Amino acid sequence: MSALKRQDVQYVNIKAEQLAGLSQTLFEYHEKLDHFQLKTICALVYDLATDIHDWTEKEEGIVMSLEEEQRNE
């Protein structure tokens, strides 16, 4: 079970690194990118942010259910 939790954290860390890389690319090259390239990068940023948000919501649900179990013991 702990391996699954660790794997989930690694997944989010990878997504965060990808998001940071795309954000840095946007910052450094925004003047050189054409409209299509900007839209594509922005869509990738949005997708990565959504993945991270989904993971944090699931994680919050897990934490809340564990806290509820501890209160009921």
PDB file of N, CA and C in Angstrom:
ATOM      1  N   MET A   1       0.823  -1.197   0.000  1.00  0.00           N
ATOM      2  CA  MET A   1       0.000   0.000   0.000  1.00  0.00           C
ATOM      3  C   MET A   1       0.866   1.259   0.000  1.00  0.00           C
ATOM      4  N   SER A   2       1.942   1.276   0.790  1.00  0.00           N
ATOM      5  CA  SER A   2       2.794   2.457   0.828  1.00  0.00           C
ATOM      6  C   SER A   2       3.457   2.711  -0.524  1.00  0.00           C
ATOM      7  N   ALA A   3       3.685   1.659  -1.300  1.00  0.00           N
ATOM      8  CA  ALA A   3       4.278   1.834  -2.625  1.00  0.00           C
ATOM      9  C   ALA A   3       3.339   2.606  -3.530  1.00  0.00           C
ATOM     10  N   LEU A   4       2.040   2.368  -3.401  1.00  0.00           N
ATOM     11  CA  LEU A   4       1.074   3.106  -4.203  1.00  0.00           C
ATOM     12  C   LEU A   4       1.066   4.581  -3.822  1.00  0.00           C
ATOM     13  N   LYS A   5       1.132   4.871  -2.528  1.00  0.00           N
ATOM     14  CA  LYS A   5       1.161   6.265  -2.095  1.00  0.00           C
ATOM     15  C   LYS A   5       2.409   6.959  -2.628  1.00  0.00           C
ATOM     16  N   ARG A   6       3.535   6.291  -2.546  1.00  0.00           N
ATOM     17  CA  ARG A   6       4.774   6.878  -3.035  1.00  0.00           C
ATOM     18  C   ARG A   6       4.702   7.093  -4.542  1.00  0.00           C
ATOM     19  N   GLN A   7       4.132   6.157  -5.254  1.00  0.00           N
ATOM     20  CA  GLN A   7       3.994   6.278  -6.690  1.00  0.00           C
ATOM     21  C   GLN A   7       3.113   7.482  -7.036  1.00  0.00           C
ATOM     22  N   ASP A   8       2.038   7.687  -6.284  1.00  0.00           N
ATOM     23  CA  ASP A   8       1.161   8.822  -6.525  1.00  0.00           C
ATOM     24  C   ASP A   8       1.905  10.140  -6.321  1.00  0.00           C
ATOM     25  N   VAL A   9       2.721  10.225  -5.289  1.00  0.00           N
ATOM     26  CA  VAL A   9       3.482  11.444  -5.024  1.00  0.00           C
ATOM     27  C   VAL A   9       4.483  11.688  -6.154  1.00  0.00           C
ATOM     28  N   GLN A  10       5.122  10.637  -6.621  1.00  0.00           N
ATOM     29  CA  GLN A  10       6.077  10.785  -7.714  1.00  0.00           C
ATOM     30  C   GLN A  10       5.371  11.271  -8.973  1.00  0.00           C
ATOM     31  N   TYR A  11       4.177  10.774  -9.220  1.00  0.00           N
ATOM     32  CA  TYR A  11       3.387  11.209 -10.380  1.00  0.00           C
ATOM     33  C   TYR A  11       3.126  12.718 -10.312  1.00  0.00           C
ATOM     34  N   VAL A  12       2.727  13.198  -9.144  1.00  0.00           N
ATOM     35  CA  VAL A  12       2.438  14.622  -8.995  1.00  0.00           C
ATOM     36  C   VAL A  12       3.716  15.442  -9.107  1.00  0.00           C
ATOM     37  N   ASN A  13       4.809  14.954  -8.569  1.00  0.00           N
ATOM     38  CA  ASN A  13       6.081  15.666  -8.691  1.00  0.00           C
ATOM     39  C   ASN A  13       6.497  15.808 -10.153  1.00  0.00           C
ATOM     40  N   ILE A  14       6.306  14.752 -10.931  1.00  0.00           N
ATOM     41  CA  ILE A  14       6.637  14.805 -12.361  1.00  0.00           C
ATOM     42  C   ILE A  14       5.754  15.824 -13.066  1.00  0.00           C
ATOM     43  N   LYS A  15       4.454  15.817 -12.761  1.00  0.00           N
ATOM     44  CA  LYS A  15       3.525  16.777 -13.371  1.00  0.00           C
ATOM     45  C   LYS A  15       3.907  18.213 -13.001  1.00  0.00           C
ATOM     46  N   ALA A  16       4.286  18.427 -11.755  1.00  0.00           N
ATOM     47  CA  ALA A  16       4.690  19.766 -11.314  1.00  0.00           C
ATOM     48  C   ALA A  16       5.961  20.222 -12.030  1.00  0.00           C
ATOM     49  N   GLU A  17       6.907  19.310 -12.221  1.00  0.00           N
ATOM     50  CA  GLU A  17       8.132  19.646 -12.951  1.00  0.00           C
ATOM     51  C   GLU A  17       7.818  19.985 -14.409  1.00  0.00           C
ATOM     52  N   GLN A  18       6.903  19.231 -15.016  1.00  0.00           N
ATOM     53  CA  GLN A  18       6.504  19.529 -16.393  1.00  0.00           C
ATOM     54  C   GLN A  18       5.829  20.901 -16.478  1.00  0.00           C
ATOM     55  N   LEU A  19       4.978  21.190 -15.520  1.00  0.00           N
ATOM     56  CA  LEU A  19       4.291  22.477 -15.480  1.00  0.00           C
ATOM     57  C   LEU A  19       5.290  23.622 -15.321  1.00  0.00           C
ATOM     58  N   ALA A  20       6.257  23.435 -14.446  1.00  0.00           N
ATOM     59  CA  ALA A  20       7.289  24.458 -14.250  1.00  0.00           C
ATOM     60  C   ALA A  20       8.095  24.668 -15.534  1.00  0.00           C
ATOM     61  N   GLY A  21       8.422  23.579 -16.215  1.00  0.00           N
ATOM     62  CA  GLY A  21       9.175  23.682 -17.473  1.00  0.00           C
ATOM     63  C   GLY A  21       8.406  24.425 -18.546  1.00  0.00           C
ATOM     64  N   LEU A  22       7.130  24.114 -18.679  1.00  0.00           N
ATOM     65  CA  LEU A  22       6.316  24.821 -19.671  1.00  0.00           C
ATOM     66  C   LEU A  22       6.152  26.287 -19.314  1.00  0.00           C
ATOM     67  N   SER A  23       5.985  26.569 -18.044  1.00  0.00           N
ATOM     68  CA  SER A  23       5.863  27.964 -17.605  1.00  0.00           C
ATOM     69  C   SER A  23       7.147  28.742 -17.900  1.00  0.00           C
ATOM     70  N   GLN A  24       8.285  28.106 -17.657  1.00  0.00           N
ATOM     71  CA  GLN A  24       9.570  28.746 -17.945  1.00  0.00           C
ATOM     72  C   GLN A  24       9.711  28.992 -19.448  1.00  0.00           C
ATOM     73  N   THR A  25       9.299  28.028 -20.258  1.00  0.00           N
ATOM     74  CA  THR A  25       9.347  28.189 -21.711  1.00  0.00           C
ATOM     75  C   THR A  25       8.490  29.367 -22.152  1.00  0.00           C
ATOM     76  N   LEU A  26       7.293  29.454 -21.610  1.00  0.00           N
ATOM     77  CA  LEU A  26       6.413  30.586 -21.931  1.00  0.00           C
ATOM     78  C   LEU A  26       7.069  31.911 -21.557  1.00  0.00           C
ATOM     79  N   PHE A  27       7.653  31.957 -20.367  1.00  0.00           N
ATOM     80  CA  PHE A  27       8.280  33.185 -19.899  1.00  0.00           C
ATOM     81  C   PHE A  27       9.451  33.608 -20.783  1.00  0.00           C
ATOM     82  N   GLU A  28      10.291  32.641 -21.151  1.00  0.00           N
ATOM     83  CA  GLU A  28      11.508  32.963 -21.896  1.00  0.00           C
ATOM     84  C   GLU A  28      11.276  33.197 -23.386  1.00  0.00           C
ATOM     85  N   TYR A  29      10.315  32.499 -23.972  1.00  0.00           N
ATOM     86  CA  TYR A  29      10.173  32.540 -25.425  1.00  0.00           C
ATOM     87  C   TYR A  29       8.841  33.093 -25.914  1.00  0.00           C
ATOM     88  N   HIS A  30       8.046  33.720 -25.043  1.00  0.00           N
ATOM     89  CA  HIS A  30       6.713  34.142 -25.445  1.00  0.00           C
ATOM     90  C   HIS A  30       6.715  35.083 -26.652  1.00  0.00           C
ATOM     91  N   GLU A  31       7.738  35.898 -26.789  1.00  0.00           N
ATOM     92  CA  GLU A  31       7.794  36.838 -27.913  1.00  0.00           C
ATOM     93  C   GLU A  31       8.164  36.144 -29.230  1.00  0.00           C
ATOM     94  N   LYS A  32       8.794  34.979 -29.155  1.00  0.00           N
ATOM     95  CA  LYS A  32       9.234  34.270 -30.354  1.00  0.00           C
ATOM     96  C   LYS A  32       8.232  33.214 -30.826  1.00  0.00           C
ATOM     97  N   LEU A  33       7.244  32.895 -29.993  1.00  0.00           N
ATOM     98  CA  LEU A  33       6.283  31.852 -30.335  1.00  0.00           C
ATOM     99  C   LEU A  33       5.125  32.420 -31.148  1.00  0.00           C
ATOM    100  N   ASP A  34       4.660  31.643 -32.108  1.00  0.00           N
ATOM    101  CA  ASP A  34       3.491  32.097 -32.867  1.00  0.00           C
ATOM    102  C   ASP A  34       2.215  31.757 -32.080  1.00  0.00           C
ATOM    103  N   HIS A  35       1.087  32.206 -32.610  1.00  0.00           N
ATOM    104  CA  HIS A  35      -0.194  32.054 -31.939  1.00  0.00           C
ATOM    105  C   HIS A  35      -0.516  30.582 -31.655  1.00  0.00           C
ATOM    106  N   PHE A  36      -0.299  29.717 -32.612  1.00  0.00           N
ATOM    107  CA  PHE A  36      -0.587  28.297 -32.446  1.00  0.00           C
ATOM    108  C   PHE A  36       0.285  27.688 -31.352  1.00  0.00           C
ATOM    109  N   GLN A  37       1.570  28.023 -31.341  1.00  0.00           N
ATOM    110  CA  GLN A  37       2.487  27.491 -30.330  1.00  0.00           C
ATOM    111  C   GLN A  37       2.082  27.953 -28.929  1.00  0.00           C
ATOM    112  N   LEU A  38       1.704  29.227 -28.813  1.00  0.00           N
ATOM    113  CA  LEU A  38       1.269  29.747 -27.514  1.00  0.00           C
ATOM    114  C   LEU A  38       0.012  29.030 -27.028  1.00  0.00           C
ATOM    115  N   LYS A  39      -0.952  28.848 -27.927  1.00  0.00           N
ATOM    116  CA  LYS A  39      -2.186  28.161 -27.545  1.00  0.00           C
ATOM    117  C   LYS A  39      -1.906  26.722 -27.128  1.00  0.00           C
ATOM    118  N   THR A  40      -1.010  26.052 -27.827  1.00  0.00           N
ATOM    119  CA  THR A  40      -0.671  24.664 -27.503  1.00  0.00           C
ATOM    120  C   THR A  40      -0.008  24.567 -26.139  1.00  0.00           C
ATOM    121  N   ILE A  41       0.949  25.436 -25.878  1.00  0.00           N
ATOM    122  CA  ILE A  41       1.628  25.422 -24.580  1.00  0.00           C
ATOM    123  C   ILE A  41       0.647  25.761 -23.462  1.00  0.00           C
ATOM    124  N   CYS A  42      -0.213  26.732 -23.687  1.00  0.00           N
ATOM    125  CA  CYS A  42      -1.203  27.089 -22.671  1.00  0.00           C
ATOM    126  C   CYS A  42      -2.154  25.916 -22.391  1.00  0.00           C
ATOM    127  N   ALA A  43      -2.532  25.192 -23.434  1.00  0.00           N
ATOM    128  CA  ALA A  43      -3.397  24.022 -23.248  1.00  0.00           C
ATOM    129  C   ALA A  43      -2.684  22.949 -22.436  1.00  0.00           C
ATOM    130  N   LEU A  44      -1.392  22.741 -22.700  1.00  0.00           N
ATOM    131  CA  LEU A  44      -0.619  21.767 -21.918  1.00  0.00           C
ATOM    132  C   LEU A  44      -0.506  22.191 -20.458  1.00  0.00           C
ATOM    133  N   VAL A  45      -0.273  23.483 -20.231  1.00  0.00           N
ATOM    134  CA  VAL A  45      -0.198  24.007 -18.866  1.00  0.00           C
ATOM    135  C   VAL A  45      -1.525  23.757 -18.145  1.00  0.00           C
ATOM    136  N   TYR A  46      -2.625  24.030 -18.824  1.00  0.00           N
ATOM    137  CA  TYR A  46      -3.946  23.827 -18.236  1.00  0.00           C
ATOM    138  C   TYR A  46      -4.166  22.351 -17.905  1.00  0.00           C
ATOM    139  N   ASP A  47      -3.820  21.461 -18.804  1.00  0.00           N
ATOM    140  CA  ASP A  47      -3.988  20.018 -18.568  1.00  0.00           C
ATOM    141  C   ASP A  47      -3.165  19.540 -17.369  1.00  0.00           C
ATOM    142  N   LEU A  48      -1.923  19.996 -17.293  1.00  0.00           N
ATOM    143  CA  LEU A  48      -1.073  19.606 -16.167  1.00  0.00           C
ATOM    144  C   LEU A  48      -1.614  20.143 -14.846  1.00  0.00           C
ATOM    145  N   ALA A  49      -2.061  21.388 -14.856  1.00  0.00           N
ATOM    146  CA  ALA A  49      -2.623  21.971 -13.640  1.00  0.00           C
ATOM    147  C   ALA A  49      -3.883  21.216 -13.209  1.00  0.00           C
ATOM    148  N   THR A  50      -4.680  20.787 -14.171  1.00  0.00           N
ATOM    149  CA  THR A  50      -5.881  20.010 -13.868  1.00  0.00           C
ATOM    150  C   THR A  50      -5.514  18.674 -13.243  1.00  0.00           C
ATOM    151  N   ASP A  51      -4.492  18.008 -13.774  1.00  0.00           N
ATOM    152  CA  ASP A  51      -4.038  16.737 -13.196  1.00  0.00           C
ATOM    153  C   ASP A  51      -3.603  16.920 -11.739  1.00  0.00           C
ATOM    154  N   ILE A  52      -2.850  17.964 -11.479  1.00  0.00           N
ATOM    155  CA  ILE A  52      -2.378  18.228 -10.119  1.00  0.00           C
ATOM    156  C   ILE A  52      -3.562  18.540  -9.202  1.00  0.00           C
ATOM    157  N   HIS A  53      -4.498  19.347  -9.688  1.00  0.00           N
ATOM    158  CA  HIS A  53      -5.673  19.691  -8.890  1.00  0.00           C
ATOM    159  C   HIS A  53      -6.502  18.447  -8.568  1.00  0.00           C
ATOM    160  N   ASP A  54      -6.713  17.591  -9.549  1.00  0.00           N
ATOM    161  CA  ASP A  54      -7.461  16.355  -9.326  1.00  0.00           C
ATOM    162  C   ASP A  54      -6.788  15.492  -8.267  1.00  0.00           C
ATOM    163  N   TRP A  55      -5.472  15.383  -8.352  1.00  0.00           N
ATOM    164  CA  TRP A  55      -4.737  14.578  -7.385  1.00  0.00           C
ATOM    165  C   TRP A  55      -4.893  15.153  -5.981  1.00  0.00           C
ATOM    166  N   THR A  56      -4.777  16.475  -5.842  1.00  0.00           N
ATOM    167  CA  THR A  56      -4.876  17.081  -4.513  1.00  0.00           C
ATOM    168  C   THR A  56      -6.282  16.923  -3.934  1.00  0.00           C
ATOM    169  N   GLU A  57      -7.312  16.970  -4.782  1.00  0.00           N
ATOM    170  CA  GLU A  57      -8.666  16.750  -4.278  1.00  0.00           C
ATOM    171  C   GLU A  57      -8.844  15.316  -3.785  1.00  0.00           C
ATOM    172  N   LYS A  58      -8.318  14.341  -4.521  1.00  0.00           N
ATOM    173  CA  LYS A  58      -8.391  12.945  -4.080  1.00  0.00           C
ATOM    174  C   LYS A  58      -7.632  12.762  -2.771  1.00  0.00           C
ATOM    175  N   GLU A  59      -6.477  13.376  -2.698  1.00  0.00           N
ATOM    176  CA  GLU A  59      -5.646  13.273  -1.500  1.00  0.00           C
ATOM    177  C   GLU A  59      -6.369  13.895  -0.303  1.00  0.00           C
ATOM    178  N   GLU A  60      -7.020  15.012  -0.514  1.00  0.00           N
ATOM    179  CA  GLU A  60      -7.777  15.665   0.556  1.00  0.00           C
ATOM    180  C   GLU A  60      -8.906  14.751   1.050  1.00  0.00           C
ATOM    181  N   GLY A  61      -9.567  14.073   0.122  1.00  0.00           N
ATOM    182  CA  GLY A  61     -10.621  13.133   0.502  1.00  0.00           C
ATOM    183  C   GLY A  61     -10.087  11.993   1.348  1.00  0.00           C
ATOM    184  N   ILE A  62      -8.922  11.484   0.983  1.00  0.00           N
ATOM    185  CA  ILE A  62      -8.291  10.406   1.747  1.00  0.00           C
ATOM    186  C   ILE A  62      -7.958  10.884   3.156  1.00  0.00           C
ATOM    187  N   VAL A  63      -7.363  12.064   3.251  1.00  0.00           N
ATOM    188  CA  VAL A  63      -6.986  12.607   4.558  1.00  0.00           C
ATOM    189  C   VAL A  63      -8.226  12.823   5.420  1.00  0.00           C
ATOM    190  N   MET A  64      -9.268  13.362   4.830  1.00  0.00           N
ATOM    191  CA  MET A  64     -10.487  13.615   5.599  1.00  0.00           C
ATOM    192  C   MET A  64     -11.123  12.310   6.077  1.00  0.00           C
ATOM    193  N   SER A  65     -11.107  11.280   5.240  1.00  0.00           N
ATOM    194  CA  SER A  65     -11.686   9.996   5.657  1.00  0.00           C
ATOM    195  C   SER A  65     -10.844   9.351   6.753  1.00  0.00           C
ATOM    196  N   LEU A  66      -9.523   9.486   6.677  1.00  0.00           N
ATOM    197  CA  LEU A  66      -8.664   8.956   7.738  1.00  0.00           C
ATOM    198  C   LEU A  66      -8.895   9.690   9.061  1.00  0.00           C
ATOM    199  N   GLU A  67      -9.053  11.004   8.982  1.00  0.00           N
ATOM    200  CA  GLU A  67      -9.336  11.774  10.195  1.00  0.00           C
ATOM    201  C   GLU A  67     -10.676  11.371  10.794  1.00  0.00           C
ATOM    202  N   GLU A  68     -11.649  11.130   9.940  1.00  0.00           N
ATOM    203  CA  GLU A  68     -12.972  10.698  10.407  1.00  0.00           C
ATOM    204  C   GLU A  68     -12.884   9.330  11.091  1.00  0.00           C
ATOM    205  N   GLU A  69     -12.104   8.427  10.517  1.00  0.00           N
ATOM    206  CA  GLU A  69     -11.912   7.099  11.120  1.00  0.00           C
ATOM    207  C   GLU A  69     -11.265   7.222  12.492  1.00  0.00           C
ATOM    208  N   GLN A  70     -10.271   8.114  12.610  1.00  0.00           N
ATOM    209  CA  GLN A  70      -9.580   8.298  13.889  1.00  0.00           C
ATOM    210  C   GLN A  70     -10.521   8.860  14.949  1.00  0.00           C
ATOM    211  N   ARG A  71     -11.423   9.762  14.548  1.00  0.00           N
ATOM    212  CA  ARG A  71     -12.384  10.325  15.488  1.00  0.00           C
ATOM    213  C   ARG A  71     -13.373   9.273  15.963  1.00  0.00           C
ATOM    214  N   ASN A  72     -13.717   8.330  15.097  1.00  0.00           N
ATOM    215  CA  ASN A  72     -14.709   7.316  15.427  1.00  0.00           C
ATOM    216  C   ASN A  72     -14.132   6.152  16.229  1.00  0.00           C
ATOM    217  N   GLU A  73     -12.828   6.079  16.352  1.00  0.00           N
ATOM    218  CA  GLU A  73     -12.205   4.964  17.096  1.00  0.00           C
ATOM    219  C   GLU A  73     -12.344   5.137  18.589  1.00  0.00           C
TER     220      GLU A  73
END
